[in-house]
Amino acid sequence: MYYMSDTISLRLPADLNDRLNRLAESTQRPKSFYVREALEEHLSGIEWAYDLAAHAEAARAGVAETGPLDELTRELGFDPEELRAEARAEAAE
């Protein structure tokens, strides 16, 4: 069960609003149900993307902690030399 802790006003482009209206009418659910569903399903991905962009900008500005690429590839379970060999083989094709 959802408890309303806050409300928002949302302006949608006409085509998106029409689609949402048709879906709500065909399923007999309120539009807010589908807006909430979309946010729950996609908000973490949007947060991740913006966090990644902010971290990349901080790295470019020299204020984020970074490390060598070989160290990162090892942390992720890859062999850096193997990746280099694969890249060279693909470039030679």
N, C-alpha and C. Protein backbone atom coordinates (compact mmCIF):
# COMPACT_ATOMS: atom_id res chain seq x y z
N MET A 1 0.84 -1.18 0.00
CA MET A 1 0.00 0.00 0.00
C MET A 1 0.89 1.24 0.00
N TYR A 2 0.47 2.23 -0.75
CA TYR A 2 1.22 3.47 -0.85
C TYR A 2 0.62 4.53 0.06
N TYR A 3 1.48 5.26 0.70
CA TYR A 3 1.04 6.39 1.51
C TYR A 3 1.58 7.64 0.87
N MET A 4 0.73 8.57 0.59
CA MET A 4 1.15 9.77 -0.08
C MET A 4 1.91 10.66 0.90
N SER A 5 3.18 10.84 0.61
CA SER A 5 3.97 11.71 1.46
C SER A 5 4.18 13.06 0.79
N ASP A 6 3.98 13.10 -0.52
CA ASP A 6 4.18 14.34 -1.25
C ASP A 6 3.46 14.21 -2.58
N THR A 7 3.08 15.30 -3.15
CA THR A 7 2.46 15.28 -4.47
C THR A 7 3.28 16.14 -5.41
N ILE A 8 3.18 15.84 -6.69
CA ILE A 8 3.87 16.65 -7.69
C ILE A 8 2.88 16.99 -8.79
N SER A 9 3.15 18.07 -9.48
CA SER A 9 2.39 18.45 -10.66
C SER A 9 3.29 18.15 -11.85
N LEU A 10 2.74 17.49 -12.85
CA LEU A 10 3.55 17.03 -13.96
C LEU A 10 2.91 17.44 -15.27
N ARG A 11 3.65 18.13 -16.11
CA ARG A 11 3.18 18.51 -17.43
C ARG A 11 3.80 17.55 -18.44
N LEU A 12 2.96 16.93 -19.22
CA LEU A 12 3.41 15.97 -20.22
C LEU A 12 3.15 16.50 -21.62
N PRO A 13 3.99 16.11 -22.57
CA PRO A 13 3.67 16.43 -23.96
C PRO A 13 2.33 15.77 -24.32
N ALA A 14 1.61 16.37 -25.24
CA ALA A 14 0.27 15.90 -25.59
C ALA A 14 0.25 14.43 -26.00
N ASP A 15 1.23 14.00 -26.81
CA ASP A 15 1.22 12.61 -27.27
C ASP A 15 1.42 11.63 -26.12
N LEU A 16 2.30 11.97 -25.18
CA LEU A 16 2.53 11.11 -24.02
C LEU A 16 1.31 11.09 -23.11
N ASN A 17 0.70 12.22 -22.94
CA ASN A 17 -0.51 12.30 -22.12
C ASN A 17 -1.65 11.48 -22.74
N ASP A 18 -1.77 11.55 -24.07
CA ASP A 18 -2.80 10.76 -24.76
C ASP A 18 -2.57 9.26 -24.55
N ARG A 19 -1.32 8.84 -24.68
CA ARG A 19 -1.01 7.41 -24.47
C ARG A 19 -1.33 6.99 -23.05
N LEU A 20 -0.97 7.83 -22.10
CA LEU A 20 -1.24 7.52 -20.70
C LEU A 20 -2.74 7.47 -20.43
N ASN A 21 -3.48 8.40 -21.01
CA ASN A 21 -4.94 8.39 -20.87
C ASN A 21 -5.55 7.11 -21.43
N ARG A 22 -5.10 6.70 -22.62
CA ARG A 22 -5.64 5.48 -23.22
C ARG A 22 -5.34 4.25 -22.36
N LEU A 23 -4.13 4.18 -21.84
CA LEU A 23 -3.77 3.05 -20.99
C LEU A 23 -4.62 3.04 -19.72
N ALA A 24 -4.75 4.18 -19.10
CA ALA A 24 -5.54 4.28 -17.87
C ALA A 24 -7.01 3.90 -18.12
N GLU A 25 -7.55 4.37 -19.22
CA GLU A 25 -8.95 4.06 -19.54
C GLU A 25 -9.13 2.58 -19.84
N SER A 26 -8.19 2.00 -20.58
CA SER A 26 -8.35 0.59 -20.97
C SER A 26 -8.16 -0.37 -19.81
N THR A 27 -7.47 0.05 -18.78
CA THR A 27 -7.21 -0.83 -17.63
C THR A 27 -7.99 -0.44 -16.39
N GLN A 28 -8.69 0.67 -16.47
CA GLN A 28 -9.46 1.17 -15.32
C GLN A 28 -8.56 1.45 -14.11
N ARG A 29 -7.36 1.92 -14.37
CA ARG A 29 -6.44 2.34 -13.30
C ARG A 29 -6.16 3.83 -13.47
N PRO A 30 -5.83 4.50 -12.39
CA PRO A 30 -5.50 5.94 -12.53
C PRO A 30 -4.15 6.13 -13.21
N LYS A 31 -4.01 7.27 -13.87
CA LYS A 31 -2.74 7.59 -14.53
C LYS A 31 -1.59 7.59 -13.53
N SER A 32 -1.86 8.02 -12.30
CA SER A 32 -0.80 8.08 -11.29
C SER A 32 -0.21 6.70 -11.02
N PHE A 33 -1.00 5.65 -11.17
CA PHE A 33 -0.50 4.29 -10.99
C PHE A 33 0.65 4.02 -11.96
N TYR A 34 0.46 4.39 -13.23
CA TYR A 34 1.48 4.12 -14.25
C TYR A 34 2.68 5.04 -14.13
N VAL A 35 2.46 6.26 -13.72
CA VAL A 35 3.59 7.17 -13.49
C VAL A 35 4.45 6.63 -12.36
N ARG A 36 3.81 6.19 -11.28
CA ARG A 36 4.54 5.61 -10.15
C ARG A 36 5.29 4.35 -10.57
N GLU A 37 4.62 3.48 -11.36
CA GLU A 37 5.27 2.26 -11.85
C GLU A 37 6.52 2.59 -12.67
N ALA A 38 6.40 3.57 -13.56
CA ALA A 38 7.54 3.95 -14.39
C ALA A 38 8.69 4.48 -13.55
N LEU A 39 8.37 5.30 -12.57
CA LEU A 39 9.42 5.83 -11.69
C LEU A 39 10.10 4.72 -10.90
N GLU A 40 9.30 3.82 -10.35
CA GLU A 40 9.87 2.73 -9.56
C GLU A 40 10.78 1.85 -10.41
N GLU A 41 10.38 1.64 -11.66
CA GLU A 41 11.15 0.76 -12.53
C GLU A 41 12.41 1.42 -13.09
N HIS A 42 12.36 2.73 -13.34
CA HIS A 42 13.45 3.37 -14.08
C HIS A 42 14.26 4.40 -13.30
N LEU A 43 13.80 4.83 -12.14
CA LEU A 43 14.50 5.89 -11.43
C LEU A 43 15.92 5.49 -11.03
N SER A 44 16.12 4.26 -10.60
CA SER A 44 17.47 3.86 -10.19
C SER A 44 18.45 3.92 -11.36
N GLY A 45 18.00 3.58 -12.56
CA GLY A 45 18.86 3.68 -13.73
C GLY A 45 19.20 5.13 -14.06
N ILE A 46 18.24 6.00 -13.92
CA ILE A 46 18.49 7.42 -14.16
C ILE A 46 19.45 7.98 -13.12
N GLU A 47 19.24 7.60 -11.85
CA GLU A 47 20.15 8.04 -10.79
C GLU A 47 21.57 7.55 -11.07
N TRP A 48 21.69 6.29 -11.49
CA TRP A 48 23.00 5.71 -11.78
C TRP A 48 23.68 6.49 -12.90
N ALA A 49 22.94 6.79 -13.97
CA ALA A 49 23.52 7.50 -15.11
C ALA A 49 24.01 8.89 -14.72
N TYR A 50 23.22 9.61 -13.93
CA TYR A 50 23.64 10.96 -13.51
C TYR A 50 24.81 10.89 -12.54
N ASP A 51 24.83 9.88 -11.67
CA ASP A 51 25.96 9.71 -10.76
C ASP A 51 27.23 9.40 -11.54
N LEU A 52 27.11 8.54 -12.55
CA LEU A 52 28.25 8.20 -13.39
C LEU A 52 28.77 9.42 -14.13
N ALA A 53 27.85 10.23 -14.67
CA ALA A 53 28.26 11.45 -15.37
C ALA A 53 28.96 12.42 -14.42
N ALA A 54 28.44 12.55 -13.21
CA ALA A 54 29.07 13.45 -12.23
C ALA A 54 30.45 12.94 -11.84
N HIS A 55 30.57 11.62 -11.67
CA HIS A 55 31.88 11.06 -11.32
C HIS A 55 32.88 11.25 -12.47
N ALA A 56 32.42 11.06 -13.70
CA ALA A 56 33.31 11.27 -14.86
C ALA A 56 33.76 12.73 -14.94
N GLU A 57 32.85 13.64 -14.69
CA GLU A 57 33.22 15.06 -14.70
C GLU A 57 34.22 15.37 -13.59
N ALA A 58 34.01 14.79 -12.41
CA ALA A 58 34.95 15.00 -11.30
C ALA A 58 36.32 14.40 -11.63
N ALA A 59 36.33 13.26 -12.31
CA ALA A 59 37.61 12.65 -12.70
C ALA A 59 38.33 13.53 -13.71
N ARG A 60 37.58 14.07 -14.68
CA ARG A 60 38.20 14.98 -15.66
C ARG A 60 38.73 16.24 -15.00
N ALA A 61 38.04 16.70 -13.96
CA ALA A 61 38.48 17.91 -13.26
C ALA A 61 39.61 17.62 -12.27
N GLY A 62 39.91 16.33 -12.08
CA GLY A 62 41.00 15.97 -11.18
C GLY A 62 40.62 15.96 -9.71
N VAL A 63 39.34 15.95 -9.39
CA VAL A 63 38.93 15.96 -7.99
C VAL A 63 38.38 14.62 -7.51
N ALA A 64 38.24 13.64 -8.42
CA ALA A 64 37.75 12.31 -8.03
C ALA A 64 38.93 11.36 -7.93
N GLU A 65 38.80 10.42 -7.03
CA GLU A 65 39.84 9.41 -6.89
C GLU A 65 39.77 8.46 -8.08
N THR A 66 40.90 8.25 -8.73
CA THR A 66 40.96 7.35 -9.87
C THR A 66 42.09 6.36 -9.65
N GLY A 67 42.15 5.38 -10.49
CA GLY A 67 43.22 4.39 -10.39
C GLY A 67 43.61 3.91 -11.77
N PRO A 68 44.67 3.14 -11.85
CA PRO A 68 45.11 2.63 -13.15
C PRO A 68 44.08 1.67 -13.77
N LEU A 69 43.98 1.67 -15.07
CA LEU A 69 43.03 0.82 -15.78
C LEU A 69 43.33 -0.66 -15.52
N ASP A 70 44.59 -1.04 -15.47
CA ASP A 70 44.93 -2.44 -15.21
C ASP A 70 44.39 -2.90 -13.86
N GLU A 71 44.46 -2.03 -12.87
CA GLU A 71 43.95 -2.37 -11.54
C GLU A 71 42.43 -2.57 -11.58
N LEU A 72 41.76 -1.69 -12.29
CA LEU A 72 40.30 -1.81 -12.42
C LEU A 72 39.91 -3.10 -13.13
N THR A 73 40.59 -3.41 -14.23
CA THR A 73 40.24 -4.62 -14.96
C THR A 73 40.46 -5.86 -14.10
N ARG A 74 41.50 -5.87 -13.30
CA ARG A 74 41.73 -7.02 -12.39
C ARG A 74 40.62 -7.11 -11.34
N GLU A 75 40.20 -5.95 -10.80
CA GLU A 75 39.11 -5.94 -9.81
C GLU A 75 37.83 -6.51 -10.40
N LEU A 76 37.64 -6.30 -11.69
CA LEU A 76 36.44 -6.79 -12.37
C LEU A 76 36.60 -8.24 -12.85
N GLY A 77 37.76 -8.82 -12.59
CA GLY A 77 37.97 -10.22 -12.94
C GLY A 77 38.52 -10.47 -14.32
N PHE A 78 39.09 -9.45 -14.95
CA PHE A 78 39.66 -9.60 -16.28
C PHE A 78 41.18 -9.56 -16.20
N ASP A 79 41.83 -10.15 -17.21
CA ASP A 79 43.28 -10.09 -17.34
C ASP A 79 43.59 -8.96 -18.32
N PRO A 80 44.26 -7.90 -17.86
CA PRO A 80 44.53 -6.75 -18.74
C PRO A 80 45.29 -7.13 -20.01
N GLU A 81 46.25 -8.04 -19.90
CA GLU A 81 47.03 -8.45 -21.08
C GLU A 81 46.15 -9.19 -22.08
N GLU A 82 45.24 -10.00 -21.57
CA GLU A 82 44.32 -10.73 -22.44
C GLU A 82 43.40 -9.74 -23.18
N LEU A 83 42.94 -8.73 -22.48
CA LEU A 83 42.09 -7.71 -23.12
C LEU A 83 42.86 -6.95 -24.19
N ARG A 84 44.13 -6.64 -23.91
CA ARG A 84 44.94 -5.93 -24.91
C ARG A 84 45.14 -6.79 -26.16
N ALA A 85 45.42 -8.09 -25.94
CA ALA A 85 45.61 -9.01 -27.07
C ALA A 85 44.34 -9.10 -27.91
N GLU A 86 43.20 -9.18 -27.27
CA GLU A 86 41.92 -9.23 -27.99
C GLU A 86 41.70 -7.95 -28.79
N ALA A 87 42.01 -6.81 -28.17
CA ALA A 87 41.84 -5.53 -28.86
C ALA A 87 42.76 -5.43 -30.08
N ARG A 88 44.01 -5.88 -29.91
CA ARG A 88 44.95 -5.85 -31.05
C ARG A 88 44.47 -6.77 -32.19
N ALA A 89 43.95 -7.93 -31.82
CA ALA A 89 43.47 -8.89 -32.83
C ALA A 89 42.28 -8.29 -33.59
N GLU A 90 41.37 -7.65 -32.87
CA GLU A 90 40.22 -7.02 -33.52
C GLU A 90 40.63 -5.86 -34.40
N ALA A 91 41.62 -5.10 -33.97
CA ALA A 91 42.09 -3.96 -34.76
C ALA A 91 42.79 -4.42 -36.04
N ALA A 92 43.40 -5.60 -35.98
CA ALA A 92 44.13 -6.13 -37.14
C ALA A 92 43.18 -6.70 -38.19
N GLU A 93 41.94 -7.00 -37.81
CA GLU A 93 40.97 -7.60 -38.75
C GLU A 93 40.54 -6.64 -39.83
